[in-house]
N, C-alpha and C. Protein backbone atom coordinates (compact mmCIF):
# COMPACT_ATOMS: atom_id res chain seq x y z
N GLU A 1 -1.33 35.73 -61.48
CA GLU A 1 -1.20 37.15 -61.24
C GLU A 1 -2.29 37.48 -60.07
N VAL A 2 -1.75 38.32 -59.21
CA VAL A 2 -2.70 38.77 -58.09
C VAL A 2 -2.86 40.22 -58.07
N ARG A 3 -4.07 40.70 -58.03
CA ARG A 3 -4.33 42.05 -57.99
C ARG A 3 -5.10 42.39 -56.63
N CYS A 4 -4.52 43.32 -56.02
CA CYS A 4 -5.16 43.83 -54.67
C CYS A 4 -6.02 45.04 -54.96
N VAL A 5 -7.20 45.06 -54.41
CA VAL A 5 -8.18 46.22 -54.65
C VAL A 5 -8.24 46.90 -53.31
N ARG A 6 -7.79 48.16 -53.26
CA ARG A 6 -7.81 48.95 -52.08
C ARG A 6 -9.15 49.69 -52.21
N TRP A 7 -10.04 49.48 -51.13
CA TRP A 7 -11.42 50.03 -51.16
C TRP A 7 -11.67 50.96 -49.98
N GLY A 8 -10.90 50.76 -48.91
CA GLY A 8 -11.28 51.52 -47.70
C GLY A 8 -10.79 52.93 -47.59
N HIS A 9 -10.97 53.57 -46.45
CA HIS A 9 -10.60 54.94 -46.20
C HIS A 9 -9.32 55.10 -45.54
N GLY A 10 -8.66 54.02 -45.26
CA GLY A 10 -7.32 54.15 -44.59
C GLY A 10 -7.30 53.42 -43.19
N PHE A 11 -6.10 53.35 -42.70
CA PHE A 11 -5.91 52.66 -41.46
C PHE A 11 -6.69 53.22 -40.29
N GLY A 12 -7.40 52.45 -39.54
CA GLY A 12 -8.16 52.83 -38.38
C GLY A 12 -9.51 53.36 -38.73
N ARG A 13 -9.93 53.43 -40.02
CA ARG A 13 -11.19 54.10 -40.36
C ARG A 13 -12.17 52.95 -40.69
N TRP A 14 -12.12 51.87 -39.92
CA TRP A 14 -13.05 50.71 -40.20
C TRP A 14 -14.52 51.08 -40.09
N TYR A 15 -14.91 51.93 -39.16
CA TYR A 15 -16.39 52.37 -39.10
C TYR A 15 -16.84 52.97 -40.38
N LYS A 16 -16.08 53.89 -40.94
CA LYS A 16 -16.43 54.55 -42.18
C LYS A 16 -16.31 53.52 -43.30
N ASP A 17 -15.34 52.67 -43.21
CA ASP A 17 -15.30 51.65 -44.34
C ASP A 17 -16.60 50.86 -44.48
N LEU A 18 -17.16 50.50 -43.30
CA LEU A 18 -18.49 49.69 -43.19
C LEU A 18 -19.67 50.39 -43.36
N THR A 19 -19.66 51.68 -43.24
CA THR A 19 -20.92 52.42 -43.28
C THR A 19 -21.09 53.39 -44.36
N ASP A 20 -20.02 53.62 -45.22
CA ASP A 20 -20.04 54.57 -46.26
C ASP A 20 -20.60 53.78 -47.52
N ASP A 21 -21.84 53.73 -47.61
CA ASP A 21 -22.55 53.02 -48.65
C ASP A 21 -22.03 53.48 -50.08
N GLU A 22 -21.91 54.80 -50.23
CA GLU A 22 -21.45 55.24 -51.58
C GLU A 22 -20.07 54.74 -51.88
N GLN A 23 -19.18 54.70 -50.97
CA GLN A 23 -17.80 54.18 -51.14
C GLN A 23 -17.84 52.65 -51.45
N LEU A 24 -18.63 51.95 -50.71
CA LEU A 24 -18.71 50.53 -50.96
C LEU A 24 -19.25 50.24 -52.45
N LEU A 25 -20.22 50.91 -52.83
CA LEU A 25 -20.79 50.74 -54.11
C LEU A 25 -19.89 51.22 -55.23
N SER A 26 -19.22 52.36 -54.97
CA SER A 26 -18.24 52.77 -56.04
C SER A 26 -17.09 51.78 -56.21
N ALA A 27 -16.53 51.28 -55.02
CA ALA A 27 -15.51 50.27 -55.08
C ALA A 27 -15.97 49.03 -55.84
N ALA A 28 -17.22 48.61 -55.56
CA ALA A 28 -17.80 47.40 -56.25
C ALA A 28 -17.88 47.71 -57.83
N GLN A 29 -18.24 48.92 -58.25
CA GLN A 29 -18.37 49.19 -59.61
C GLN A 29 -17.08 49.18 -60.21
N THR A 30 -16.05 49.76 -59.55
CA THR A 30 -14.66 49.71 -60.08
C THR A 30 -14.19 48.34 -60.24
N LEU A 31 -14.27 47.42 -59.23
CA LEU A 31 -14.05 46.12 -59.26
C LEU A 31 -14.71 45.36 -60.47
N ALA A 32 -15.99 45.51 -60.54
CA ALA A 32 -16.71 44.80 -61.74
C ALA A 32 -16.19 45.23 -63.02
N VAL A 33 -15.96 46.60 -63.27
CA VAL A 33 -15.32 47.03 -64.48
C VAL A 33 -14.00 46.44 -64.76
N GLU A 34 -13.16 46.40 -63.70
CA GLU A 34 -11.84 45.82 -63.88
C GLU A 34 -11.85 44.38 -64.28
N ILE A 35 -12.73 43.67 -63.70
CA ILE A 35 -12.94 42.21 -63.93
C ILE A 35 -13.50 42.05 -65.37
N SER A 36 -14.45 42.83 -65.76
CA SER A 36 -15.10 42.75 -67.11
C SER A 36 -13.95 43.00 -68.22
N ASP A 37 -13.28 44.08 -67.98
CA ASP A 37 -12.18 44.41 -68.90
C ASP A 37 -11.16 43.34 -68.98
N PHE A 38 -10.79 42.78 -67.94
CA PHE A 38 -9.77 41.59 -67.87
C PHE A 38 -10.30 40.46 -68.56
N ARG A 39 -11.63 40.13 -68.36
CA ARG A 39 -12.17 38.89 -68.98
C ARG A 39 -12.32 39.08 -70.51
N ARG A 40 -12.27 40.30 -71.02
CA ARG A 40 -12.39 40.46 -72.51
C ARG A 40 -11.09 40.14 -73.25
N GLU A 41 -10.07 40.03 -72.49
CA GLU A 41 -8.75 39.68 -73.11
C GLU A 41 -8.90 38.15 -73.56
N PRO A 42 -8.49 37.83 -74.83
CA PRO A 42 -8.67 36.61 -75.46
C PRO A 42 -8.04 35.36 -74.64
N SER A 43 -6.99 35.73 -74.02
CA SER A 43 -6.32 34.53 -73.30
C SER A 43 -6.44 34.72 -71.78
N ALA A 44 -7.52 35.42 -71.29
CA ALA A 44 -7.73 35.61 -69.92
C ALA A 44 -7.97 34.38 -69.17
N PRO A 45 -7.16 34.10 -68.12
CA PRO A 45 -7.37 32.89 -67.22
C PRO A 45 -8.62 33.02 -66.39
N PRO A 46 -9.09 31.99 -65.75
CA PRO A 46 -10.27 32.13 -64.80
C PRO A 46 -9.97 33.19 -63.77
N VAL A 47 -10.87 33.81 -63.22
CA VAL A 47 -10.73 34.87 -62.23
C VAL A 47 -11.31 34.25 -60.90
N PHE A 48 -10.45 34.45 -59.79
CA PHE A 48 -10.89 34.12 -58.42
C PHE A 48 -10.87 35.40 -57.67
N ILE A 49 -11.85 35.45 -56.76
CA ILE A 49 -11.82 36.59 -55.77
C ILE A 49 -11.87 36.03 -54.44
N ILE A 50 -10.97 36.71 -53.60
CA ILE A 50 -10.77 36.40 -52.19
C ILE A 50 -11.08 37.73 -51.50
N ALA A 51 -12.10 37.69 -50.52
CA ALA A 51 -12.31 39.00 -49.83
C ALA A 51 -12.51 38.64 -48.33
N ARG A 52 -12.19 39.56 -47.53
CA ARG A 52 -12.19 39.47 -46.14
C ARG A 52 -12.95 40.48 -45.38
N SER A 53 -13.79 40.18 -44.43
CA SER A 53 -14.43 41.13 -43.52
C SER A 53 -15.32 42.10 -44.34
N GLY A 54 -15.06 43.35 -44.18
CA GLY A 54 -15.93 44.38 -44.90
C GLY A 54 -15.75 44.22 -46.41
N GLY A 55 -14.53 43.73 -46.83
CA GLY A 55 -14.28 43.66 -48.27
C GLY A 55 -15.17 42.60 -48.94
N THR A 56 -15.76 41.77 -48.18
CA THR A 56 -16.74 40.79 -48.73
C THR A 56 -17.97 41.47 -49.24
N ALA A 57 -18.30 42.60 -48.72
CA ALA A 57 -19.43 43.46 -49.28
C ALA A 57 -19.08 43.96 -50.58
N VAL A 58 -17.88 44.55 -50.75
CA VAL A 58 -17.47 44.98 -52.10
C VAL A 58 -17.37 43.94 -53.06
N ALA A 59 -16.88 42.76 -52.68
CA ALA A 59 -16.87 41.66 -53.64
C ALA A 59 -18.25 41.12 -54.07
N VAL A 60 -19.15 40.99 -53.07
CA VAL A 60 -20.47 40.52 -53.41
C VAL A 60 -21.29 41.59 -54.29
N TYR A 61 -21.20 42.85 -53.88
CA TYR A 61 -21.71 43.85 -54.58
C TYR A 61 -21.25 43.88 -56.06
N ALA A 62 -19.93 43.64 -56.24
CA ALA A 62 -19.37 43.55 -57.66
C ALA A 62 -19.88 42.46 -58.34
N LEU A 63 -20.11 41.23 -57.72
CA LEU A 63 -20.60 40.09 -58.36
C LEU A 63 -22.00 40.30 -58.93
N GLU A 64 -22.70 41.12 -58.18
CA GLU A 64 -24.14 41.46 -58.68
C GLU A 64 -24.18 42.27 -59.94
N LEU A 65 -22.97 42.89 -60.23
CA LEU A 65 -23.00 43.70 -61.51
C LEU A 65 -22.37 42.93 -62.58
N LEU A 66 -21.94 41.72 -62.43
CA LEU A 66 -21.26 40.96 -63.49
C LEU A 66 -22.21 40.01 -64.23
N GLU A 67 -21.80 39.63 -65.41
CA GLU A 67 -22.60 38.65 -66.27
C GLU A 67 -22.54 37.29 -65.53
N PRO A 68 -23.49 36.34 -65.80
CA PRO A 68 -23.39 35.03 -65.28
C PRO A 68 -22.10 34.24 -65.59
N ASN A 69 -21.61 33.55 -64.70
CA ASN A 69 -20.41 32.75 -64.81
C ASN A 69 -19.11 33.42 -65.20
N THR A 70 -19.06 34.69 -64.83
CA THR A 70 -17.84 35.44 -65.04
C THR A 70 -16.66 35.08 -64.10
N ILE A 71 -16.90 34.70 -62.85
CA ILE A 71 -15.92 34.40 -61.98
C ILE A 71 -15.93 33.01 -61.61
N GLU A 72 -14.66 32.37 -61.60
CA GLU A 72 -14.41 30.91 -61.37
C GLU A 72 -14.92 30.56 -59.94
N ARG A 73 -14.37 31.17 -58.99
CA ARG A 73 -14.64 30.80 -57.50
C ARG A 73 -14.53 32.08 -56.78
N VAL A 74 -15.25 32.15 -55.63
CA VAL A 74 -15.14 33.31 -54.71
C VAL A 74 -14.91 32.71 -53.27
N ILE A 75 -13.96 33.29 -52.52
CA ILE A 75 -13.78 32.99 -51.18
C ILE A 75 -13.98 34.00 -50.25
N LEU A 76 -14.92 33.89 -49.30
CA LEU A 76 -15.19 34.98 -48.44
C LEU A 76 -14.72 34.54 -47.09
N LEU A 77 -13.98 35.34 -46.42
CA LEU A 77 -13.35 35.19 -45.08
C LEU A 77 -13.91 36.11 -44.16
N SER A 78 -14.52 35.55 -43.10
CA SER A 78 -15.02 36.40 -42.01
C SER A 78 -15.93 37.52 -42.51
N SER A 79 -16.88 37.13 -43.26
CA SER A 79 -17.80 38.21 -43.96
C SER A 79 -18.52 39.09 -42.87
N ALA A 80 -18.43 40.37 -43.22
CA ALA A 80 -19.21 41.30 -42.40
C ALA A 80 -20.65 41.52 -42.80
N LEU A 81 -21.03 40.93 -43.97
CA LEU A 81 -22.39 41.03 -44.37
C LEU A 81 -23.39 40.42 -43.46
N SER A 82 -24.61 40.83 -43.41
CA SER A 82 -25.54 40.17 -42.56
C SER A 82 -25.89 38.76 -43.13
N PRO A 83 -26.27 37.86 -42.19
CA PRO A 83 -26.46 36.40 -42.66
C PRO A 83 -27.68 36.27 -43.62
N ALA A 84 -28.61 37.20 -43.55
CA ALA A 84 -29.76 37.20 -44.39
C ALA A 84 -29.50 37.86 -45.75
N TYR A 85 -28.41 38.31 -45.93
CA TYR A 85 -28.10 39.05 -47.22
C TYR A 85 -28.45 38.12 -48.41
N GLU A 86 -29.20 38.58 -49.36
CA GLU A 86 -29.73 37.79 -50.49
C GLU A 86 -28.52 37.65 -51.53
N LEU A 87 -28.06 36.41 -51.69
CA LEU A 87 -26.91 36.22 -52.48
C LEU A 87 -27.18 35.69 -53.94
N THR A 88 -28.49 35.55 -54.27
CA THR A 88 -28.86 34.94 -55.53
C THR A 88 -28.11 35.57 -56.73
N SER A 89 -28.27 36.87 -56.89
CA SER A 89 -27.66 37.54 -58.09
C SER A 89 -26.18 37.48 -58.00
N ALA A 90 -25.61 37.44 -56.87
CA ALA A 90 -24.18 37.38 -56.74
C ALA A 90 -23.65 36.00 -57.14
N LEU A 91 -24.46 34.93 -56.75
CA LEU A 91 -24.04 33.67 -57.06
C LEU A 91 -24.25 33.31 -58.61
N ARG A 92 -25.04 33.98 -59.23
CA ARG A 92 -25.20 33.85 -60.64
C ARG A 92 -23.87 34.10 -61.45
N ALA A 93 -23.14 35.03 -60.93
CA ALA A 93 -21.91 35.52 -61.55
C ALA A 93 -20.75 34.50 -61.32
N VAL A 94 -20.91 33.47 -60.42
CA VAL A 94 -19.87 32.59 -60.16
C VAL A 94 -20.13 31.24 -60.89
N ARG A 95 -19.11 30.74 -61.54
CA ARG A 95 -19.23 29.40 -62.26
C ARG A 95 -19.22 28.27 -61.36
N ARG A 96 -18.18 28.17 -60.42
CA ARG A 96 -18.12 26.99 -59.54
C ARG A 96 -18.85 27.14 -58.24
N ASP A 97 -18.21 28.00 -57.31
CA ASP A 97 -18.90 28.19 -56.00
C ASP A 97 -18.32 29.40 -55.29
N VAL A 98 -19.04 29.68 -54.22
CA VAL A 98 -18.63 30.71 -53.31
C VAL A 98 -18.39 29.97 -51.93
N ILE A 99 -17.21 29.99 -51.46
CA ILE A 99 -16.85 29.39 -50.17
C ILE A 99 -16.74 30.41 -49.10
N SER A 100 -17.49 30.34 -48.09
CA SER A 100 -17.51 31.31 -47.01
C SER A 100 -17.10 30.62 -45.68
N PHE A 101 -15.90 31.19 -45.15
CA PHE A 101 -15.44 30.69 -43.91
C PHE A 101 -15.96 31.54 -42.73
N TRP A 102 -16.54 30.96 -41.71
CA TRP A 102 -17.10 31.71 -40.64
C TRP A 102 -16.65 31.03 -39.31
N SER A 103 -16.80 31.81 -38.26
CA SER A 103 -16.41 31.27 -36.88
C SER A 103 -17.37 31.77 -35.87
N PRO A 104 -17.94 30.80 -34.99
CA PRO A 104 -18.74 31.30 -33.85
C PRO A 104 -17.95 31.95 -32.84
N HIS A 105 -16.54 31.98 -32.92
CA HIS A 105 -15.71 32.65 -31.99
C HIS A 105 -15.32 34.06 -32.37
N ASP A 106 -15.76 34.52 -33.53
CA ASP A 106 -15.52 35.92 -34.00
C ASP A 106 -16.61 36.82 -33.42
N ASP A 107 -16.67 36.71 -32.08
CA ASP A 107 -17.69 37.49 -31.29
C ASP A 107 -17.45 38.93 -31.15
N LEU A 108 -16.21 39.29 -31.02
CA LEU A 108 -15.94 40.76 -30.75
C LEU A 108 -16.26 41.52 -31.91
N VAL A 109 -15.73 41.26 -33.14
CA VAL A 109 -15.84 42.06 -34.29
C VAL A 109 -17.24 41.76 -35.02
N LEU A 110 -17.46 40.55 -35.37
CA LEU A 110 -18.65 40.12 -36.15
C LEU A 110 -19.90 39.69 -35.38
N GLY A 111 -19.70 39.75 -34.03
CA GLY A 111 -20.84 39.51 -33.14
C GLY A 111 -21.31 40.78 -32.49
N ILE A 112 -20.55 41.21 -31.51
CA ILE A 112 -20.89 42.49 -30.76
C ILE A 112 -20.71 43.70 -31.79
N GLY A 113 -19.52 43.76 -32.53
CA GLY A 113 -19.32 44.93 -33.36
C GLY A 113 -20.41 45.18 -34.34
N THR A 114 -20.92 44.21 -35.08
CA THR A 114 -21.89 44.41 -36.03
C THR A 114 -23.31 44.50 -35.54
N ARG A 115 -23.51 44.02 -34.24
CA ARG A 115 -24.77 44.30 -33.65
C ARG A 115 -24.91 45.78 -33.20
N VAL A 116 -23.79 46.32 -32.74
CA VAL A 116 -23.73 47.62 -32.24
C VAL A 116 -23.61 48.68 -33.48
N PHE A 117 -22.77 48.43 -34.32
CA PHE A 117 -22.43 49.39 -35.51
C PHE A 117 -23.11 49.07 -36.88
N GLY A 118 -23.49 47.85 -36.92
CA GLY A 118 -24.19 47.41 -38.26
C GLY A 118 -23.28 46.75 -39.09
N THR A 119 -23.75 46.06 -40.11
CA THR A 119 -23.08 45.32 -41.15
C THR A 119 -22.99 46.26 -42.38
N PRO A 120 -22.23 46.02 -43.42
CA PRO A 120 -22.16 46.94 -44.55
C PRO A 120 -23.50 47.07 -45.22
N ASP A 121 -24.37 46.09 -45.03
CA ASP A 121 -25.68 46.15 -45.71
C ASP A 121 -26.72 46.73 -44.76
N ASN A 122 -26.23 47.38 -43.73
CA ASN A 122 -27.07 48.24 -42.83
C ASN A 122 -28.03 47.49 -41.89
N VAL A 123 -27.54 46.28 -41.36
CA VAL A 123 -28.34 45.47 -40.50
C VAL A 123 -27.56 45.43 -39.18
N ARG A 124 -28.24 45.63 -38.02
CA ARG A 124 -27.62 45.49 -36.76
C ARG A 124 -27.77 43.95 -36.36
N THR A 125 -26.84 43.17 -36.51
CA THR A 125 -26.96 41.72 -36.27
C THR A 125 -25.66 41.09 -36.23
N ARG A 126 -25.56 39.92 -35.79
CA ARG A 126 -24.32 39.07 -35.90
C ARG A 126 -24.04 38.93 -37.43
N ALA A 127 -22.84 39.04 -37.77
CA ALA A 127 -22.52 38.94 -39.28
C ALA A 127 -22.41 37.55 -39.70
N ALA A 128 -22.49 37.29 -40.98
CA ALA A 128 -22.36 36.02 -41.67
C ALA A 128 -21.00 35.38 -41.28
N GLY A 129 -19.94 36.14 -41.08
CA GLY A 129 -18.72 35.47 -40.67
C GLY A 129 -18.68 34.99 -39.23
N ASN A 130 -19.79 35.28 -38.53
CA ASN A 130 -19.91 34.75 -37.05
C ASN A 130 -20.90 33.69 -37.04
N VAL A 131 -21.90 33.65 -37.88
CA VAL A 131 -22.96 32.63 -37.74
C VAL A 131 -23.24 31.92 -39.06
N GLY A 132 -22.58 32.32 -40.18
CA GLY A 132 -22.86 31.71 -41.52
C GLY A 132 -24.00 32.36 -42.15
N PHE A 133 -24.13 32.26 -43.52
CA PHE A 133 -25.22 32.87 -44.26
C PHE A 133 -26.41 32.00 -44.12
N ASP A 134 -27.61 32.74 -44.13
CA ASP A 134 -28.87 32.08 -44.14
C ASP A 134 -29.11 31.46 -45.58
N VAL A 135 -29.64 30.30 -45.59
CA VAL A 135 -29.98 29.71 -46.91
C VAL A 135 -31.52 29.72 -46.99
N PRO A 136 -32.09 30.36 -47.97
CA PRO A 136 -33.57 30.42 -47.99
C PRO A 136 -34.27 29.04 -47.96
N ASP A 137 -35.27 28.88 -47.33
CA ASP A 137 -36.02 27.55 -47.17
C ASP A 137 -36.95 27.47 -48.31
N ALA A 138 -37.87 28.35 -48.56
CA ALA A 138 -38.91 28.19 -49.61
C ALA A 138 -38.38 28.96 -50.79
N ALA A 139 -37.39 28.45 -51.45
CA ALA A 139 -36.71 29.07 -52.58
C ALA A 139 -37.38 28.70 -53.88
N THR A 140 -37.32 29.65 -54.82
CA THR A 140 -37.74 29.23 -56.18
C THR A 140 -36.64 28.28 -56.82
N PRO A 141 -36.97 27.54 -57.88
CA PRO A 141 -35.99 26.71 -58.43
C PRO A 141 -34.58 27.44 -58.76
N ASP A 142 -34.72 28.66 -59.26
CA ASP A 142 -33.49 29.38 -59.47
C ASP A 142 -32.72 29.76 -58.27
N VAL A 143 -33.38 30.18 -57.25
CA VAL A 143 -32.62 30.49 -56.03
C VAL A 143 -31.97 29.20 -55.50
N ALA A 144 -32.77 28.13 -55.42
CA ALA A 144 -32.18 26.91 -55.01
C ALA A 144 -30.97 26.42 -55.77
N LEU A 145 -31.12 26.65 -57.10
CA LEU A 145 -29.94 26.24 -58.00
C LEU A 145 -28.63 27.16 -57.64
N GLN A 146 -28.93 28.43 -57.44
CA GLN A 146 -27.81 29.39 -57.14
C GLN A 146 -27.20 29.06 -55.77
N TYR A 147 -28.04 28.81 -54.79
CA TYR A 147 -27.58 28.59 -53.44
C TYR A 147 -26.84 27.29 -53.32
N ARG A 148 -26.96 26.38 -54.31
CA ARG A 148 -26.19 25.15 -54.26
C ARG A 148 -24.66 25.49 -54.44
N LYS A 149 -24.33 26.73 -54.90
CA LYS A 149 -23.02 27.14 -55.11
C LYS A 149 -22.36 27.64 -53.82
N LEU A 150 -23.21 27.81 -52.83
CA LEU A 150 -22.69 28.31 -51.59
C LEU A 150 -22.22 27.21 -50.74
N GLN A 151 -20.86 27.20 -50.38
CA GLN A 151 -20.31 26.31 -49.45
C GLN A 151 -19.92 27.02 -48.15
N GLN A 152 -20.35 26.67 -47.06
CA GLN A 152 -19.93 27.34 -45.86
C GLN A 152 -19.12 26.45 -44.92
N VAL A 153 -17.97 27.05 -44.56
CA VAL A 153 -16.97 26.30 -43.86
C VAL A 153 -16.89 26.87 -42.44
N PRO A 154 -17.46 26.14 -41.47
CA PRO A 154 -17.28 26.71 -40.06
C PRO A 154 -15.88 26.41 -39.50
N TRP A 155 -15.45 27.30 -38.56
CA TRP A 155 -14.21 27.23 -37.92
C TRP A 155 -14.07 25.85 -37.21
N SER A 156 -13.03 25.17 -37.25
CA SER A 156 -12.79 24.06 -36.51
C SER A 156 -11.48 23.95 -35.73
N LYS A 157 -11.43 23.26 -34.64
CA LYS A 157 -10.24 23.30 -33.77
C LYS A 157 -8.89 22.98 -34.65
N GLN A 158 -9.06 22.14 -35.60
CA GLN A 158 -7.87 21.75 -36.44
C GLN A 158 -7.33 22.97 -37.13
N MET A 159 -8.09 24.02 -37.33
CA MET A 159 -7.59 25.26 -37.97
C MET A 159 -6.56 26.02 -37.09
N ARG A 160 -6.56 25.78 -35.83
CA ARG A 160 -5.56 26.26 -34.94
C ARG A 160 -4.08 26.04 -35.32
N LYS A 161 -3.92 24.84 -35.97
CA LYS A 161 -2.58 24.49 -36.40
C LYS A 161 -2.03 25.52 -37.50
N SER A 162 -2.93 26.13 -38.10
CA SER A 162 -2.72 27.15 -39.25
C SER A 162 -2.78 28.52 -38.70
N GLY A 163 -2.76 28.71 -37.37
CA GLY A 163 -2.83 30.06 -36.81
C GLY A 163 -4.28 30.73 -36.80
N ASN A 164 -5.26 29.97 -37.08
CA ASN A 164 -6.62 30.51 -37.06
C ASN A 164 -7.33 29.98 -35.72
N TRP A 165 -7.43 30.93 -34.85
CA TRP A 165 -8.00 30.48 -33.57
C TRP A 165 -9.49 30.82 -33.52
N GLY A 166 -10.01 31.16 -34.61
CA GLY A 166 -11.49 31.37 -34.64
C GLY A 166 -11.88 32.93 -34.47
N THR A 167 -10.97 33.79 -34.16
CA THR A 167 -11.28 35.12 -33.92
C THR A 167 -11.14 35.92 -35.24
N HIS A 168 -11.48 37.15 -35.24
CA HIS A 168 -11.48 37.87 -36.51
C HIS A 168 -10.17 37.91 -37.27
N LEU A 169 -9.07 37.86 -36.59
CA LEU A 169 -7.86 37.88 -37.30
C LEU A 169 -7.39 36.53 -37.71
N GLY A 170 -8.09 35.43 -37.35
CA GLY A 170 -7.55 34.14 -37.77
C GLY A 170 -7.58 33.75 -39.31
N THR A 171 -8.55 34.33 -39.97
CA THR A 171 -8.56 34.14 -41.43
C THR A 171 -7.51 35.00 -42.17
N GLY A 172 -6.77 35.84 -41.47
CA GLY A 172 -5.76 36.57 -41.98
C GLY A 172 -4.34 35.95 -41.80
N SER A 173 -4.30 34.87 -41.16
CA SER A 173 -3.01 34.19 -40.85
C SER A 173 -2.38 33.63 -42.15
N PRO A 174 -1.12 33.90 -42.38
CA PRO A 174 -0.48 33.39 -43.58
C PRO A 174 -0.43 31.91 -43.67
N LYS A 175 -0.35 31.20 -42.51
CA LYS A 175 -0.44 29.81 -42.54
C LYS A 175 -1.75 29.19 -42.84
N PHE A 176 -2.81 29.86 -42.37
CA PHE A 176 -4.16 29.56 -42.75
C PHE A 176 -4.47 29.74 -44.29
N PHE A 177 -3.89 30.82 -44.72
CA PHE A 177 -4.06 31.03 -46.14
C PHE A 177 -3.36 30.01 -46.93
N ARG A 178 -2.11 29.68 -46.62
CA ARG A 178 -1.34 28.53 -47.19
C ARG A 178 -2.08 27.22 -47.24
N ASP A 179 -2.57 26.79 -46.06
CA ASP A 179 -3.15 25.62 -45.78
C ASP A 179 -4.67 25.44 -46.31
N TYR A 180 -5.39 26.46 -46.22
CA TYR A 180 -6.88 26.35 -46.51
C TYR A 180 -7.28 27.15 -47.77
N ILE A 181 -6.66 28.25 -48.05
CA ILE A 181 -7.15 29.04 -49.13
C ILE A 181 -6.33 28.74 -50.44
N ALA A 182 -5.15 28.71 -50.44
CA ALA A 182 -4.33 28.51 -51.67
C ALA A 182 -4.77 27.24 -52.42
N PRO A 183 -5.00 26.14 -51.67
CA PRO A 183 -5.48 24.99 -52.40
C PRO A 183 -6.80 25.16 -53.26
N LEU A 184 -7.62 26.14 -52.79
CA LEU A 184 -8.93 26.40 -53.42
C LEU A 184 -8.69 27.25 -54.77
N LEU A 185 -7.43 27.62 -55.04
CA LEU A 185 -7.26 28.44 -56.16
C LEU A 185 -6.79 27.62 -57.39
N ALA A 186 -6.84 26.28 -57.21
CA ALA A 186 -6.40 25.46 -58.45
C ALA A 186 -7.55 25.49 -59.39
N ILE A 187 -7.09 25.38 -60.58
CA ILE A 187 -8.08 25.42 -61.72
C ILE A 187 -8.63 24.06 -62.00
């Protein structure tokens, strides 16, 4: 079963989507409640989350509201969050891992765009989808344990065969999804 979560303000309203903190948090709360309700069903299968661009903020904020090990795996595509965003509490909600795909060629949207307009977590910097997430150096044992769940996948030239040329639209390619994302949804 696939469920799509509509969280934005509509076509062409990307700036409001990324800067309306109240809407982002509300969407995250709605997602967290939906997941919690679903997981209460006795025969509920594992839950996977796939989020892209600004939607990765909604997904990560929802993870922060969930109990530990609620989600099987999370896939973040071209994350608009800042690289320094603290992921520890979000990672606790994930049983296996969080896989984040990023590209140094996503310069227009997640490089220039987020430096000018800011990330969903209100930082004017290159986004994690452009440079990867920072992993804390001097971490406590718990932080280190949680960050072991973060796998970062940089763009590679071989991804071109799947329609991902490293730009912001690349992770939205159906062939990329088939070749790189679908295999990660196996239980």
